[in-house]
Amino acid sequence: MDIISKFVETGVAAISLKTIAAFAPILDERKAEIKKIERKTFVYDDKRRTRNELDVYYPLNSTTTKSGKTPILFFVYGGGYNSGSKEFPEPFSMGYRALGSFFAQHGFITVIPDYRLVPEVKFPASSEDIRDAVNWVCTNVDVIGVPSIPAPDVDAIFIMGHSAGDVHTKVLSLYPPVSSTVQTRFKGVIWSAGSWIIVDEKKRFRPEFPTTQYFGSQEEQREREPKALWNALSDEQIKDYPDILLVRAEREPDWLLLSWEEILPDIEKRRGEAPQMIIGKGHNHISPNWALCSGQGEEWGEEVVKWMKARIN
């Protein structure tokens, strides 16, 4: 974290590679410990040839739900809508493997799916892929289960997305044509460092090209952004919506901080109370996920674990 604190910039393009490069050797030194967590890869959609797999990370010692089973956390990575993978190439391969191991070490079966990207797909296909991954896990408990821990609890699922993955997670849980088969299984949704608004009516920022490729015209962006989907839900749907946890880094880019100015009052207005919020001290937009299993800057992840465990006990 000492290196990260010296980065003055907060823009994603300016800090991405050097942040990853700062953590990669630290995680590599801890590779043996990280790999103690078993990982298996499964195809969740055999109708597609690519970007149709998910990785499952298994706890050595499970946290158990009231039914005596193991809770599940889905993590949806970001990448600006046009990039990203559940496993980075060398020398950065420990990135999401460390994240999956971290939450597995804390007792959760952790699932990281790949999903299709721009320009291959447009709204809401990425969220549909994630939905399909969730549904596949729920109908294949016997396939993904291992004898060393209690069976996966498909009625105790949490989902966390980061950056663009966070937006896909919001769409998954807020857009009824996509959410109808999965939302009732979610014990909680964890929205981490993703946009609430795509179109800034005050013109303080503009969406980048991959964002417009995915969401469509400006009119479609207004209709499809998470804020609009939230406001379109009925009072009954809001009442039944899972618990929300907001997560962001202390040093996020300006566009994200502006988006957060709107998400807090919007949620409080519809639910009657503000959601719990975690701010990763000293972190930038990229560093929180890469800090997990590094031995530094992991506090935000430990707080997320505490929040999840409070909802299954």
Protein backbone atom coordinates (compact mmCIF):
# COMPACT_ATOMS: atom_id res chain seq x y z
CA MET A 1 0.00 0.00 0.00
CA ASP A 2 2.97 2.33 0.41
CA ILE A 3 3.51 2.32 -3.34
CA ILE A 4 -0.19 2.86 -4.05
CA SER A 5 -0.29 5.89 -1.74
CA LYS A 6 2.34 7.59 -3.89
CA PHE A 7 0.17 7.50 -7.01
CA VAL A 8 -1.23 11.00 -7.39
CA GLU A 9 -3.56 10.18 -10.28
CA THR A 10 -6.99 8.65 -9.76
CA GLY A 11 -8.04 8.08 -13.38
CA VAL A 12 -8.40 4.40 -14.22
CA ALA A 13 -6.17 4.46 -17.29
CA ALA A 14 -3.41 6.25 -15.38
CA ILE A 15 -3.27 3.85 -12.43
CA SER A 16 -4.37 0.43 -13.70
CA LEU A 17 -1.17 -1.16 -14.91
CA LYS A 18 1.13 0.28 -12.26
CA THR A 19 -1.26 -0.72 -9.49
CA ILE A 20 -1.44 -4.29 -10.77
CA ALA A 21 2.33 -4.33 -11.24
CA ALA A 22 2.80 -3.21 -7.62
CA PHE A 23 0.76 -6.11 -6.21
CA ALA A 24 1.76 -8.87 -8.65
CA PRO A 25 5.14 -9.70 -7.02
CA ILE A 26 3.60 -9.60 -3.54
CA LEU A 27 0.93 -12.11 -4.55
CA ASP A 28 3.48 -14.22 -6.37
CA GLU A 29 5.46 -14.56 -3.14
CA ARG A 30 2.27 -15.83 -1.49
CA LYS A 31 1.33 -18.14 -4.35
CA ALA A 32 1.70 -21.35 -2.36
CA GLU A 33 -0.64 -20.11 0.36
CA ILE A 34 -3.16 -18.79 -2.16
CA LYS A 35 -3.18 -22.10 -4.04
CA LYS A 36 -4.06 -24.06 -0.91
CA ILE A 37 -7.61 -23.11 -1.79
CA GLU A 38 -8.95 -25.60 -4.31
CA ARG A 39 -10.20 -24.16 -7.59
CA LYS A 40 -12.28 -25.93 -10.22
CA THR A 41 -13.44 -24.67 -13.62
CA PHE A 42 -16.83 -25.51 -15.15
CA VAL A 43 -18.66 -24.66 -18.38
CA TYR A 44 -21.94 -22.98 -17.49
CA ASP A 45 -23.24 -22.51 -21.05
CA ASP A 46 -22.32 -25.25 -23.52
CA LYS A 47 -24.13 -23.44 -26.35
CA ARG A 48 -21.23 -20.99 -26.56
CA ARG A 49 -17.60 -21.76 -27.35
CA THR A 50 -15.97 -18.84 -25.52
CA ARG A 51 -16.36 -16.83 -22.31
CA ASN A 52 -18.72 -19.48 -20.96
CA GLU A 53 -16.76 -20.80 -17.97
CA LEU A 54 -16.71 -20.08 -14.26
CA ASP A 55 -14.17 -20.77 -11.56
CA VAL A 56 -15.26 -22.11 -8.16
CA TYR A 57 -13.09 -21.66 -5.06
CA TYR A 58 -13.71 -23.97 -2.10
CA PRO A 59 -13.24 -23.14 1.59
CA LEU A 60 -11.07 -25.36 3.72
CA ASN A 61 -13.49 -24.60 6.56
CA SER A 62 -16.94 -23.41 5.62
CA THR A 63 -19.04 -20.76 7.20
CA THR A 64 -22.39 -22.49 7.52
CA THR A 65 -25.90 -21.16 7.05
CA LYS A 66 -28.86 -22.02 9.27
CA SER A 67 -29.48 -25.03 7.03
CA GLY A 68 -25.96 -26.29 7.68
CA LYS A 69 -24.77 -25.59 4.14
CA THR A 70 -22.05 -23.38 2.65
CA PRO A 71 -22.98 -19.85 1.46
CA ILE A 72 -21.96 -18.69 -2.00
CA LEU A 73 -20.41 -15.46 -3.21
CA PHE A 74 -20.41 -14.56 -6.90
CA PHE A 75 -17.82 -12.00 -7.96
CA VAL A 76 -18.21 -10.13 -11.26
CA TYR A 77 -15.01 -8.44 -12.44
CA GLY A 78 -14.87 -5.19 -14.40
CA GLY A 79 -12.94 -4.05 -17.43
CA GLY A 80 -14.73 -1.13 -19.01
CA TYR A 81 -17.31 -3.34 -20.79
CA ASN A 82 -14.77 -4.41 -23.44
CA SER A 83 -12.10 -6.25 -21.45
CA GLY A 84 -11.61 -8.46 -18.42
CA SER A 85 -11.21 -12.12 -17.58
CA LYS A 86 -11.54 -14.40 -14.58
CA GLU A 87 -7.84 -15.15 -14.95
CA PHE A 88 -5.18 -12.71 -16.06
CA PRO A 89 -2.18 -13.88 -18.12
CA GLU A 90 1.23 -14.17 -16.48
CA PRO A 91 2.77 -12.48 -14.60
CA PHE A 92 -0.58 -11.30 -13.21
CA SER A 93 -2.39 -14.64 -12.88
CA MET A 94 -2.71 -14.44 -9.09
CA GLY A 95 -5.05 -11.42 -9.25
CA TYR A 96 -8.55 -12.89 -9.20
CA ARG A 97 -7.22 -16.20 -7.94
CA ALA A 98 -6.18 -14.32 -4.79
CA LEU A 99 -9.62 -12.71 -4.53
CA GLY A 100 -11.37 -16.05 -4.89
CA SER A 101 -9.04 -17.58 -2.32
CA PHE A 102 -9.54 -14.72 0.12
CA PHE A 103 -13.30 -15.12 0.35
CA ALA A 104 -13.01 -18.92 0.33
CA GLN A 105 -10.57 -18.65 3.25
CA HIS A 106 -13.37 -16.82 5.06
CA GLY A 107 -15.81 -19.66 4.53
CA PHE A 108 -17.65 -18.82 1.29
CA ILE A 109 -17.76 -20.87 -1.89
CA THR A 110 -16.63 -18.19 -4.30
CA VAL A 111 -17.61 -18.20 -7.97
CA ILE A 112 -16.05 -15.99 -10.65
CA PRO A 113 -17.70 -16.30 -14.09
CA ASP A 114 -16.54 -15.02 -17.44
CA TYR A 115 -19.11 -13.16 -19.53
CA ARG A 116 -19.30 -11.73 -23.03
CA LEU A 117 -17.99 -8.25 -23.81
CA VAL A 118 -18.39 -5.35 -26.21
CA PRO A 119 -18.37 -5.37 -29.22
CA GLU A 120 -19.71 -8.93 -29.33
CA VAL A 121 -22.77 -8.09 -27.23
CA LYS A 122 -24.94 -5.20 -26.12
CA PHE A 123 -27.25 -4.51 -23.17
CA PRO A 124 -28.31 -6.61 -21.30
CA ALA A 125 -26.34 -9.63 -22.58
CA SER A 126 -23.47 -9.46 -20.06
CA SER A 127 -25.95 -9.46 -17.18
CA GLU A 128 -27.81 -12.32 -18.83
CA ASP A 129 -24.57 -14.31 -18.92
CA ILE A 130 -24.05 -13.73 -15.20
CA ARG A 131 -27.65 -14.72 -14.55
CA ASP A 132 -27.08 -17.92 -16.51
CA ALA A 133 -23.99 -18.65 -14.43
CA VAL A 134 -25.98 -18.20 -11.21
CA ASN A 135 -28.78 -20.42 -12.48
CA TRP A 136 -26.30 -23.07 -13.62
CA VAL A 137 -24.74 -23.23 -10.16
CA CYS A 138 -28.17 -23.47 -8.56
CA THR A 139 -29.18 -26.42 -10.73
CA ASN A 140 -25.81 -28.18 -10.53
CA VAL A 141 -25.12 -28.32 -6.82
CA ASP A 142 -24.17 -31.99 -7.08
CA VAL A 143 -21.68 -31.16 -9.83
CA ILE A 144 -19.86 -28.32 -8.07
CA GLY A 145 -20.04 -29.73 -4.55
CA VAL A 146 -17.05 -31.37 -2.88
CA PRO A 147 -17.20 -33.94 -0.07
CA SER A 148 -14.86 -32.03 2.23
CA ILE A 149 -17.34 -29.24 3.02
CA PRO A 150 -21.12 -28.90 3.43
CA ALA A 151 -23.15 -28.60 0.23
CA PRO A 152 -23.55 -25.20 -1.45
CA ASP A 153 -26.55 -23.24 -0.17
CA VAL A 154 -28.30 -21.88 -3.25
CA ASP A 155 -30.67 -19.91 -1.03
CA ALA A 156 -27.77 -18.01 0.53
CA ILE A 157 -26.11 -16.32 -2.43
CA PHE A 158 -24.35 -12.98 -2.36
CA ILE A 159 -23.20 -11.19 -5.49
CA MET A 160 -20.52 -8.53 -5.75
CA GLY A 161 -19.48 -6.68 -8.88
CA HIS A 162 -16.65 -4.23 -9.36
CA SER A 163 -16.56 -1.26 -11.77
CA ALA A 164 -18.25 -2.33 -15.04
CA GLY A 165 -18.94 -5.67 -13.36
CA ASP A 166 -20.76 -3.75 -10.66
CA VAL A 167 -23.02 -2.18 -13.29
CA HIS A 168 -23.73 -5.62 -14.77
CA THR A 169 -24.60 -6.80 -11.27
CA LYS A 170 -26.95 -3.88 -10.76
CA VAL A 171 -28.69 -4.57 -14.06
CA LEU A 172 -28.91 -8.26 -13.15
CA SER A 173 -30.74 -7.47 -9.92
CA LEU A 174 -32.71 -4.37 -10.98
CA TYR A 175 -33.97 -5.21 -14.48
CA PRO A 176 -36.94 -7.61 -14.18
CA PRO A 177 -36.47 -9.29 -17.59
CA VAL A 178 -33.08 -10.50 -16.32
CA SER A 179 -33.56 -10.68 -12.55
CA SER A 180 -36.76 -12.73 -12.31
CA THR A 181 -35.09 -16.14 -11.93
CA VAL A 182 -32.29 -15.19 -9.54
CA GLN A 183 -33.14 -12.25 -7.29
CA THR A 184 -35.03 -14.26 -4.67
CA ARG A 185 -31.87 -16.30 -4.03
CA PHE A 186 -29.76 -13.26 -3.17
CA LYS A 187 -29.15 -12.64 0.52
CA GLY A 188 -27.36 -9.43 -0.37
CA VAL A 189 -25.91 -7.43 -3.23
CA ILE A 190 -22.54 -5.71 -2.92
CA TRP A 191 -22.10 -2.80 -5.28
CA SER A 192 -18.42 -1.93 -5.58
CA ALA A 193 -17.15 1.12 -7.45
CA GLY A 194 -19.55 1.11 -10.37
CA SER A 195 -21.65 3.79 -12.02
CA TRP A 196 -25.14 4.70 -10.93
CA ILE A 197 -25.67 7.11 -13.81
CA ILE A 198 -24.48 6.74 -17.40
CA VAL A 199 -25.76 10.08 -18.69
CA ASP A 200 -24.73 13.04 -16.53
CA GLU A 201 -27.40 15.67 -17.16
CA LYS A 202 -25.06 18.31 -15.70
CA LYS A 203 -22.46 17.35 -18.33
CA ARG A 204 -19.64 16.94 -15.80
CA PHE A 205 -18.47 13.76 -17.51
CA ARG A 206 -19.24 11.77 -20.64
CA PRO A 207 -19.39 7.98 -20.98
CA GLU A 208 -16.50 6.37 -22.84
CA PHE A 209 -17.05 4.67 -26.19
CA PRO A 210 -17.32 1.05 -24.92
CA THR A 211 -20.03 2.21 -22.50
CA THR A 212 -22.09 3.75 -25.31
CA GLN A 213 -21.49 0.65 -27.43
CA TYR A 214 -23.01 -1.47 -24.70
CA PHE A 215 -25.90 0.74 -23.54
CA GLY A 216 -26.87 2.25 -26.90
CA SER A 217 -28.10 5.72 -27.79
CA GLN A 218 -28.23 8.50 -25.21
CA GLU A 219 -31.96 7.92 -24.81
CA GLU A 220 -31.34 4.20 -24.26
CA GLN A 221 -28.57 4.99 -21.80
CA ARG A 222 -31.01 7.08 -19.75
CA GLU A 223 -33.52 4.23 -19.72
CA ARG A 224 -30.98 1.50 -18.96
CA GLU A 225 -28.67 3.09 -16.39
CA PRO A 226 -28.94 1.65 -12.85
CA LYS A 227 -30.54 4.82 -11.45
CA ALA A 228 -33.40 4.58 -13.96
CA LEU A 229 -33.87 0.85 -13.34
CA TRP A 230 -34.01 1.48 -9.57
CA ASN A 231 -36.59 4.23 -9.95
CA ALA A 232 -38.68 2.05 -12.27
CA LEU A 233 -39.17 -0.62 -9.58
CA SER A 234 -42.48 -0.63 -7.74
CA ASP A 235 -42.65 0.00 -4.01
CA GLU A 236 -43.31 -3.71 -3.50
CA GLN A 237 -40.22 -4.63 -5.53
CA ILE A 238 -38.12 -2.19 -3.52
CA LYS A 239 -39.46 -3.71 -0.30
CA ASP A 240 -38.49 -7.21 -1.45
CA TYR A 241 -35.09 -6.16 -2.77
CA PRO A 242 -32.07 -7.77 -1.07
CA ASP A 243 -29.88 -5.87 1.39
CA ILE A 244 -27.40 -3.53 -0.30
CA LEU A 245 -23.80 -2.88 0.68
CA LEU A 246 -21.91 -0.07 -1.06
CA VAL A 247 -18.14 -0.32 -1.44
CA ARG A 248 -15.66 2.07 -2.99
CA ALA A 249 -12.04 3.12 -2.68
CA GLU A 250 -11.02 6.28 -0.89
CA ARG A 251 -9.37 7.64 -4.05
CA GLU A 252 -11.82 6.95 -6.85
CA PRO A 253 -11.94 8.89 -10.16
CA ASP A 254 -14.11 12.00 -10.20
CA TRP A 255 -16.84 10.48 -12.37
CA LEU A 256 -17.44 7.75 -9.82
CA LEU A 257 -17.55 10.14 -6.88
CA LEU A 258 -20.13 12.24 -8.76
CA SER A 259 -22.18 9.11 -9.38
CA TRP A 260 -22.05 8.26 -5.68
CA GLU A 261 -23.51 11.64 -4.81
CA GLU A 262 -26.74 10.38 -6.39
CA ILE A 263 -26.84 6.75 -5.33
CA LEU A 264 -26.98 7.39 -1.59
CA PRO A 265 -30.07 9.67 -1.55
CA ASP A 266 -31.78 7.57 -4.23
CA ILE A 267 -31.54 4.42 -2.11
CA GLU A 268 -32.49 6.18 1.11
CA LYS A 269 -35.52 7.80 -0.54
CA ARG A 270 -36.98 4.46 -1.66
CA ARG A 271 -35.95 2.29 1.30
CA GLY A 272 -36.26 4.76 4.16
CA GLU A 273 -32.66 4.36 5.28
CA ALA A 274 -29.20 4.75 3.85
CA PRO A 275 -27.31 1.57 2.93
CA GLN A 276 -24.21 0.52 4.81
CA MET A 277 -21.04 1.75 3.13
CA ILE A 278 -17.41 0.62 3.17
CA ILE A 279 -14.62 2.89 1.96
CA GLY A 280 -11.26 1.24 1.30
CA LYS A 281 -8.79 3.52 3.03
CA GLY A 282 -5.80 4.44 0.92
CA HIS A 283 -7.06 2.52 -2.09
CA ASN A 284 -7.56 3.63 -5.67
CA HIS A 285 -10.09 2.22 -8.13
CA ILE A 286 -7.97 -0.83 -8.99
CA SER A 287 -6.14 -1.71 -5.77
CA PRO A 288 -8.86 -3.15 -3.46
CA ASN A 289 -9.27 -6.44 -5.33
CA TRP A 290 -5.53 -6.87 -5.82
CA ALA A 291 -4.82 -6.28 -2.14
CA LEU A 292 -6.69 -9.39 -1.05
CA CYS A 293 -4.31 -12.12 0.14
CA SER A 294 -1.42 -9.63 -0.06
CA GLY A 295 -1.33 -8.98 3.68
CA GLN A 296 -1.98 -5.27 3.25
CA GLY A 297 -5.07 -3.24 2.48
CA GLU A 298 -7.39 -6.20 3.09
CA GLU A 299 -9.58 -4.52 5.70
CA TRP A 300 -12.34 -3.69 3.23
CA GLY A 301 -12.66 -7.38 2.32
CA GLU A 302 -12.85 -8.38 5.97
CA GLU A 303 -15.68 -5.87 6.46
CA VAL A 304 -17.53 -7.35 3.47
CA VAL A 305 -17.18 -10.82 5.02
CA LYS A 306 -18.55 -9.54 8.33
CA TRP A 307 -21.52 -7.96 6.53
CA MET A 308 -22.32 -11.19 4.68
CA LYS A 309 -22.02 -13.39 7.74
CA ALA A 310 -24.47 -11.17 9.61
CA ARG A 311 -27.08 -12.06 6.99
CA ILE A 312 -26.79 -15.83 7.18
CA ASN A 313 -26.67 -16.33 10.95
